[in-house]
Each structure stands twice: as C-alpha cells, then as structure tokens.
Protein backbone atom coordinates (compact mmCIF):
# COMPACT_ATOMS: atom_id res chain seq x y z
CA MET A 1 112.53 7.67 -146.79
CA CYS A 2 114.27 7.50 -143.60
CA THR A 3 112.73 4.73 -141.60
CA PHE A 4 114.72 5.24 -138.14
CA ALA A 5 112.39 4.82 -135.10
CA HIS A 6 111.97 7.68 -132.81
CA ILE A 7 108.95 8.80 -130.58
CA SER A 8 109.15 12.82 -131.57
CA ILE A 9 109.11 11.63 -135.13
CA ASN A 10 105.89 9.25 -134.46
CA GLU A 11 104.30 12.23 -132.58
CA VAL A 12 105.46 14.81 -135.26
CA MET A 13 103.82 12.45 -137.87
CA LYS A 14 100.31 12.87 -136.18
CA LYS A 15 99.94 16.50 -137.23
CA GLU A 16 97.71 16.61 -140.24
CA TYR A 17 99.48 18.05 -143.18
CA SER A 18 98.18 21.70 -144.42
CA LYS A 19 100.14 24.09 -147.00
CA LEU A 20 98.21 27.05 -145.27
CA ILE A 21 100.23 29.46 -143.31
CA ASN A 22 98.74 32.61 -141.37
CA VAL A 23 100.34 35.81 -142.64
CA ASN A 24 99.10 39.05 -141.14
CA GLY A 25 95.48 37.31 -140.62
CA LYS A 26 95.34 36.29 -144.06
CA LEU A 27 96.02 32.81 -145.28
CA MET A 28 98.94 32.15 -147.73
CA ASP A 29 98.54 28.72 -149.69
CA LEU A 30 102.05 27.03 -150.19
CA SER A 31 100.26 24.12 -152.80
CA ALA A 32 101.71 26.73 -155.20
CA PRO A 33 105.55 27.06 -154.54
CA GLN A 34 106.43 30.48 -153.47
CA VAL A 35 109.51 32.56 -154.14
CA MET A 36 111.01 34.62 -151.20
CA GLY A 37 113.55 37.60 -152.59
CA ILE A 38 116.76 38.19 -150.39
CA LEU A 39 116.99 41.66 -149.06
CA ASN A 40 120.43 41.68 -147.16
CA VAL A 41 120.97 45.24 -145.25
CA THR A 42 124.52 44.32 -144.74
CA PRO A 43 128.00 45.15 -145.40
CA ASP A 44 129.23 41.56 -145.26
CA SER A 45 127.13 39.29 -147.09
CA PHE A 46 128.64 36.37 -148.96
CA TYR A 47 127.05 37.40 -152.29
CA ALA A 48 128.35 41.16 -152.55
CA LYS A 49 125.92 42.47 -155.01
CA SER A 50 122.91 41.47 -152.67
CA ARG A 51 123.87 44.42 -150.20
CA LYS A 52 122.12 46.85 -150.00
CA ASN A 53 122.34 50.41 -147.78
CA GLY A 54 120.71 53.53 -147.84
CA TYR A 55 117.46 54.45 -148.89
CA ALA A 56 117.70 54.45 -152.52
CA GLN A 57 119.33 51.08 -152.83
CA ILE A 58 116.86 48.93 -150.23
CA SER A 59 113.98 50.79 -152.22
CA GLU A 60 115.29 49.78 -155.51
CA ARG A 61 115.93 46.24 -154.17
CA VAL A 62 112.50 46.03 -152.66
CA ASN A 63 110.92 47.40 -156.24
CA GLN A 64 113.13 44.54 -157.72
CA ILE A 65 111.81 41.54 -155.59
CA ILE A 66 108.16 42.37 -156.11
CA ASP A 67 108.32 43.28 -159.90
CA ASP A 68 109.80 40.29 -160.56
CA GLY A 69 107.24 38.08 -158.67
CA ALA A 70 108.12 37.50 -155.30
CA SER A 71 105.64 36.90 -152.75
CA ILE A 72 107.67 37.18 -149.87
CA ILE A 73 110.41 39.71 -148.74
CA ASP A 74 113.13 38.42 -146.26
CA ILE A 75 115.22 40.64 -144.49
CA GLY A 76 118.64 40.24 -142.85
CA ALA A 77 120.69 42.37 -141.24
CA TYR A 78 123.39 39.93 -139.79
CA SER A 79 125.35 38.10 -142.22
CA SER A 80 125.33 34.20 -141.53
CA ARG A 81 127.92 33.53 -144.18
CA PRO A 82 130.94 31.27 -143.00
CA ASP A 83 133.49 33.07 -140.83
CA ALA A 84 130.63 36.23 -140.34
CA GLU A 85 131.59 38.96 -138.04
CA ASP A 86 129.44 39.03 -134.75
CA VAL A 87 127.00 41.81 -134.61
CA SER A 88 125.52 43.55 -131.58
CA GLU A 89 121.40 42.85 -130.98
CA GLU A 90 121.47 46.83 -131.38
CA GLU A 91 123.53 47.19 -134.19
CA GLU A 92 120.91 44.61 -136.23
CA ILE A 93 117.82 46.43 -135.01
CA ALA A 94 119.18 49.58 -135.82
CA ARG A 95 119.81 48.24 -139.53
CA LEU A 96 116.65 46.66 -139.70
CA ARG A 97 114.63 49.62 -138.71
CA PRO A 98 114.91 52.05 -141.72
CA ALA A 99 114.49 49.38 -143.96
CA LEU A 100 111.64 47.78 -142.48
CA ALA A 101 109.93 51.54 -142.18
CA LEU A 102 110.43 51.70 -145.91
CA ILE A 103 108.85 48.79 -146.99
CA ASN A 104 105.80 49.21 -144.88
CA LYS A 105 105.63 53.12 -146.41
CA GLU A 106 105.91 51.97 -150.03
CA HIS A 107 104.78 48.64 -149.77
CA PRO A 108 102.10 48.26 -146.82
CA ASP A 109 100.66 45.06 -148.23
CA ALA A 110 103.95 43.31 -148.36
CA VAL A 111 104.61 39.84 -146.84
CA ILE A 112 107.79 40.38 -144.77
CA SER A 113 110.31 37.71 -143.11
CA VAL A 114 112.93 38.79 -140.71
CA ASP A 115 116.20 36.68 -140.95
CA THR A 116 116.77 36.53 -137.55
CA PHE A 117 118.11 34.39 -134.31
CA ARG A 118 117.47 36.92 -131.61
CA ALA A 119 114.25 36.76 -129.85
CA GLU A 120 114.26 40.35 -129.11
CA VAL A 121 114.86 41.26 -132.64
CA ALA A 122 112.19 39.08 -134.13
CA ARG A 123 109.81 40.97 -131.30
CA VAL A 124 110.98 44.43 -132.37
CA CYS A 125 110.22 43.31 -136.03
CA VAL A 126 107.04 41.81 -135.38
CA LYS A 127 105.40 44.15 -132.81
CA GLU A 128 106.78 47.77 -134.25
CA TYR A 129 106.85 46.63 -138.19
CA GLY A 130 104.33 44.32 -138.86
CA VAL A 131 106.53 41.61 -139.93
CA ALA A 132 104.55 38.42 -140.78
CA ILE A 133 107.26 35.64 -140.63
CA ILE A 134 110.22 34.64 -138.71
CA ASN A 135 113.28 32.97 -140.21
CA ASP A 136 115.88 31.67 -137.85
CA ILE A 137 118.55 30.23 -138.97
CA SER A 138 119.64 28.66 -135.48
CA GLY A 139 116.49 26.85 -135.25
CA GLY A 140 116.37 28.22 -131.69
CA THR A 141 120.15 27.00 -130.66
CA LEU A 142 121.44 30.70 -130.56
CA ASP A 143 118.94 32.28 -128.39
CA ALA A 144 117.28 30.23 -125.92
CA GLY A 145 114.30 32.70 -125.66
CA MET A 146 113.48 32.47 -129.40
CA PHE A 147 110.84 29.40 -129.16
CA ASP A 148 109.02 31.53 -126.22
CA ALA A 149 109.05 34.61 -128.56
CA VAL A 150 107.47 32.57 -131.35
CA ALA A 151 104.96 31.47 -129.42
CA GLU A 152 104.11 34.62 -128.04
CA LEU A 153 104.03 36.38 -131.48
CA ASN A 154 101.80 33.70 -133.03
CA VAL A 155 103.22 34.06 -136.63
CA PRO A 156 105.03 31.58 -138.77
CA TYR A 157 108.42 30.23 -138.11
CA ILE A 158 111.12 28.91 -140.30
CA LEU A 159 113.00 26.23 -138.38
CA MET A 160 116.54 25.68 -139.94
CA HIS A 161 119.11 23.08 -139.39
CA ILE A 162 122.33 24.44 -138.17
CA GLN A 163 125.73 22.75 -136.97
CA GLY A 164 127.66 25.09 -134.62
CA THR A 165 127.38 28.96 -135.34
CA PRO A 166 127.97 31.22 -138.46
CA GLN A 167 131.42 31.82 -136.84
CA ASP A 168 132.27 28.27 -136.93
CA MET A 169 129.95 26.36 -139.03
CA GLN A 170 132.46 25.43 -141.47
CA HIS A 171 135.20 24.72 -139.75
CA LYS A 172 135.20 20.58 -140.22
CA PRO A 173 131.47 20.02 -139.60
CA HIS A 174 131.02 16.39 -138.85
CA TYR A 175 128.34 13.80 -138.24
CA ASP A 176 128.21 10.40 -137.38
CA ASP A 177 124.69 9.57 -139.33
CA PHE A 178 124.36 12.93 -141.19
CA ILE A 179 120.50 12.20 -142.54
CA LYS A 180 119.52 10.28 -138.87
CA GLU A 181 121.07 13.56 -137.08
CA VAL A 182 119.25 15.88 -139.17
CA PHE A 183 115.63 14.47 -139.03
CA LEU A 184 116.13 14.08 -135.37
CA TYR A 185 117.30 17.66 -135.16
CA PHE A 186 113.59 18.27 -136.65
CA ALA A 187 111.89 15.92 -134.80
CA GLU A 188 112.82 16.93 -131.66
CA LYS A 189 112.18 20.92 -132.55
CA ILE A 190 108.94 20.48 -133.90
CA ASP A 191 107.50 18.74 -131.30
CA ARG A 192 108.84 20.85 -128.53
CA LEU A 193 107.21 23.90 -130.89
CA HIS A 194 103.78 22.25 -131.44
CA GLN A 195 103.82 21.43 -127.49
CA MET A 196 104.24 25.30 -127.00
CA GLY A 197 101.11 26.07 -129.44
CA VAL A 198 103.06 26.93 -132.45
CA LYS A 199 100.87 26.52 -135.04
CA ASP A 200 102.66 27.42 -138.60
CA ILE A 201 106.17 26.00 -139.01
CA ILE A 202 108.39 25.52 -142.06
CA VAL A 203 111.21 23.22 -142.32
CA ASP A 204 114.33 24.71 -143.70
CA PRO A 205 116.92 21.55 -144.33
CA GLY A 206 119.72 24.31 -144.07
CA PHE A 207 121.86 23.93 -147.34
CA GLY A 208 125.25 25.39 -146.50
CA PHE A 209 124.97 25.50 -142.76
CA GLY A 210 127.53 23.40 -140.91
CA LYS A 211 127.62 20.67 -143.97
CA THR A 212 130.28 19.70 -146.18
CA VAL A 213 129.65 20.05 -150.32
CA ASP A 214 128.77 16.24 -150.12
CA ASN A 215 126.74 16.53 -147.18
CA ASN A 216 124.45 19.09 -149.07
CA TYR A 217 123.57 16.79 -151.78
CA GLU A 218 123.10 13.94 -149.67
CA LEU A 219 120.51 16.39 -148.25
CA LEU A 220 119.21 17.40 -151.73
CA GLN A 221 119.11 13.51 -152.36
CA HIS A 222 116.70 12.97 -149.29
CA LEU A 223 114.56 16.11 -149.92
CA GLN A 224 111.44 14.68 -150.13
CA ASP A 225 111.87 12.55 -147.33
CA PHE A 226 111.26 16.13 -145.08
CA GLU A 227 107.61 15.49 -146.38
CA LEU A 228 106.95 12.75 -143.20
CA PHE A 229 106.87 16.26 -140.69
CA LYS A 230 103.88 17.19 -143.27
CA LEU A 231 104.97 21.07 -142.91
CA PRO A 232 105.74 23.23 -145.95
CA ILE A 233 109.68 23.05 -147.05
CA LEU A 234 111.36 25.83 -147.87
CA VAL A 235 115.04 25.68 -149.78
CA GLY A 236 117.56 28.31 -149.78
CA VAL A 237 120.48 27.15 -152.23
CA SER A 238 120.99 30.48 -153.56
CA ARG A 239 124.74 31.14 -155.12
CA LYS A 240 126.09 29.19 -152.39
CA SER A 241 129.24 27.27 -152.08
CA MET A 242 127.94 23.90 -152.55
CA ILE A 243 127.31 25.26 -156.35
CA THR A 244 130.48 27.05 -156.69
CA LYS A 245 132.97 24.42 -154.98
CA LEU A 246 131.12 21.75 -157.06
CA LEU A 247 131.73 23.68 -160.29
CA GLY A 248 134.86 25.93 -159.79
CA ILE A 249 133.25 28.91 -160.28
CA THR A 250 132.46 32.22 -158.70
CA THR A 251 129.26 33.73 -156.50
CA ASP A 252 128.74 35.47 -159.62
CA GLU A 253 129.00 32.97 -161.51
CA ALA A 254 126.22 30.47 -159.68
CA LEU A 255 123.03 31.60 -161.18
CA ASN A 256 122.82 28.54 -163.66
CA GLY A 257 123.53 26.25 -160.81
CA THR A 258 121.30 27.89 -158.37
CA SER A 259 118.32 27.18 -160.90
CA VAL A 260 119.19 23.82 -161.66
CA ILE A 261 119.10 22.83 -157.45
CA ASP A 262 115.92 25.27 -157.56
CA THR A 263 113.96 23.18 -160.04
CA ILE A 264 115.37 20.10 -158.30
CA SER A 265 114.32 20.97 -155.09
CA LEU A 266 110.78 21.71 -156.95
CA THR A 267 110.50 18.35 -158.05
CA LYS A 268 111.32 17.00 -154.44
CA GLY A 269 108.87 18.82 -152.50
CA ALA A 270 110.04 22.46 -152.27
CA ASP A 271 107.37 25.00 -150.94
CA ILE A 272 109.56 28.30 -150.65
CA LEU A 273 112.54 29.14 -152.81
CA ARG A 274 114.68 31.63 -150.88
CA VAL A 275 116.90 33.31 -153.73
CA HIS A 276 118.55 36.50 -154.32
CA ASP A 277 117.20 36.31 -158.19
CA VAL A 278 113.67 36.15 -158.34
CA LYS A 279 113.03 36.63 -161.83
CA GLU A 280 114.86 33.21 -162.76
CA ALA A 281 113.28 31.47 -159.65
CA VAL A 282 109.58 32.48 -160.61
CA GLN A 283 110.38 31.16 -163.80
CA ALA A 284 111.31 28.12 -162.29
CA VAL A 285 108.13 27.95 -160.91
CA LYS A 286 105.82 28.46 -163.78
CA ILE A 287 107.72 25.78 -165.99
CA PHE A 288 107.55 23.41 -162.84
CA GLU A 289 103.74 23.84 -162.65
CA LYS A 290 103.36 24.01 -166.12
CA MET A 291 104.79 20.34 -165.72
CA SER A 292 102.83 19.51 -162.67
CA SER A 293 99.48 20.34 -164.32
CA PHE A 294 99.31 16.91 -166.31
CA ASN A 295 99.62 14.61 -163.19
C-alpha cells in the first residue's frame, strides 16, 4: 500500500466508497465486474482487426460486443496509439456521428462510452446521442475545458493517467518516483473533480500511456493500492505492447497474455475490463466470480 502523505489524498479518502455509477438515469452496480467492448471507428488503431468503418462493419462489431456479453460499448474515433496522427475535432465528430446514430437505432438501450479527450466532442456525444460515459485518456490535460464539460454533463468520467500525448508519450517516458507520481496525479485531479461536483469518477491507471514495460508491470503489481481512492477501477491492457514486447509476440498473438493480465487485475480489484475480445473477458469474469463466491 502506498503510504506517502499528501493533503489531496487525505481529502479524496474521505469520500464514501461506492461501486454504483449512474448511467442514463439507471444505476450500474460494479460490485460485479463489468466488461467494456472496444469499437474503433478509426483507420489507424494499433490493433488492425479492431478498426471498423462503414455501416455493415460497425453494426457487426456492435452486435458482437453485445452478444458476447459486454455491458458497455466504448467508441473511439481518435487513435491513441503511440505516434498516432493528430485528427481534428471536426473529423473526430464526423467519424462518431454515423456510428452513434447506428447504435441508437439498433440498440437504443446500450450503454455507450465515448473515448475522447475533447470537451466539445464529449458534449456532442452526450447531448445529441445520449452517450452515458466519458472516457478521457488525458485526464483533462489535453483539453483544459474537459473537467468543466464533465461537471456540466453530469455523466460518469473515466480519469486516466498519461504522461505526454499520444504523439510523444512513448518517447523515453521518465519518472523520478513512478508509483508516487501516478498516485499524486490521481489525488489532485480527483480532489478537483469532487470540488466541481463530479459524482461518478472511474480510475484508469493508464497502462501503456507514457510508461515503459517495467512501469506497466510495476503498476499492475500495485493495482490493489488504487482502492485507497474508493472509486471504481478500470483496466485496459488489451493486446498492448506491455504484452507483445515482454513475450516477443505480435498483437494478433496477444489474446492469451491479455486474458492472463485481465484475470490478475480482477484479483487485484479491477471493476471494469476494457477489451477487444469480449467473450474471453466475460469468461474470465465468470471464473473470478465463481472463485470469489467462496470467500
């Protein structure tokens, strides 16, 4: 357990722990871990098989996510892979609109999360398409207006740790005291969000975002320590380089490694698994819950 003192952490820890989040007026109970299925409407996401464009591909992917048992669809139109090309706000919104309209038409009760770091994109998605959750890889660092937007929209906010930007985050990431710096990052931002009246915050440690392979596994080792924030924890390691680099395999070969880390994460307190391969993650959750039923 991290034991360093900091006023923001002390303030954060005063909040009562709740595993309930409000999604479109209904409570989602995260005391049973949930699976979030990834829908990429980009031409350049790091996992080529996850890229979906056009009505037929998007519809097929959404149906697969739901049929395989995910409770949340996370849609992104801006690739956050290392060295990703920057995309304008207008282009990001243009990519999202048809996909969101399709989901609303074919699955009106689906819980949708939008993967964006832009406040205006978040506003469009929530106000025009009923998106339930904002998933911000930047923790408010890439758009100064994001926290204001989250407070205004009154939707759950996934707060992720990142060092740098998608364009430079893997160019020699450096920390003087890695775990301490990550925890201070969250303590300060959670405290600020609470002061702004944001009720539902989900913590994402940010595996792969401005971190070395060793950083990622140190983060995994300390995952249970994030419970000190008394907030739900999201883990997104699906087919990432922390797996492929360690094992010397390709992204296409990284499903087994993903399932292993997802299962470890569940034992360390993860409440949401963000994945490309929904069926396998749902199976991991079922096995974990069966094991946990004997506590």
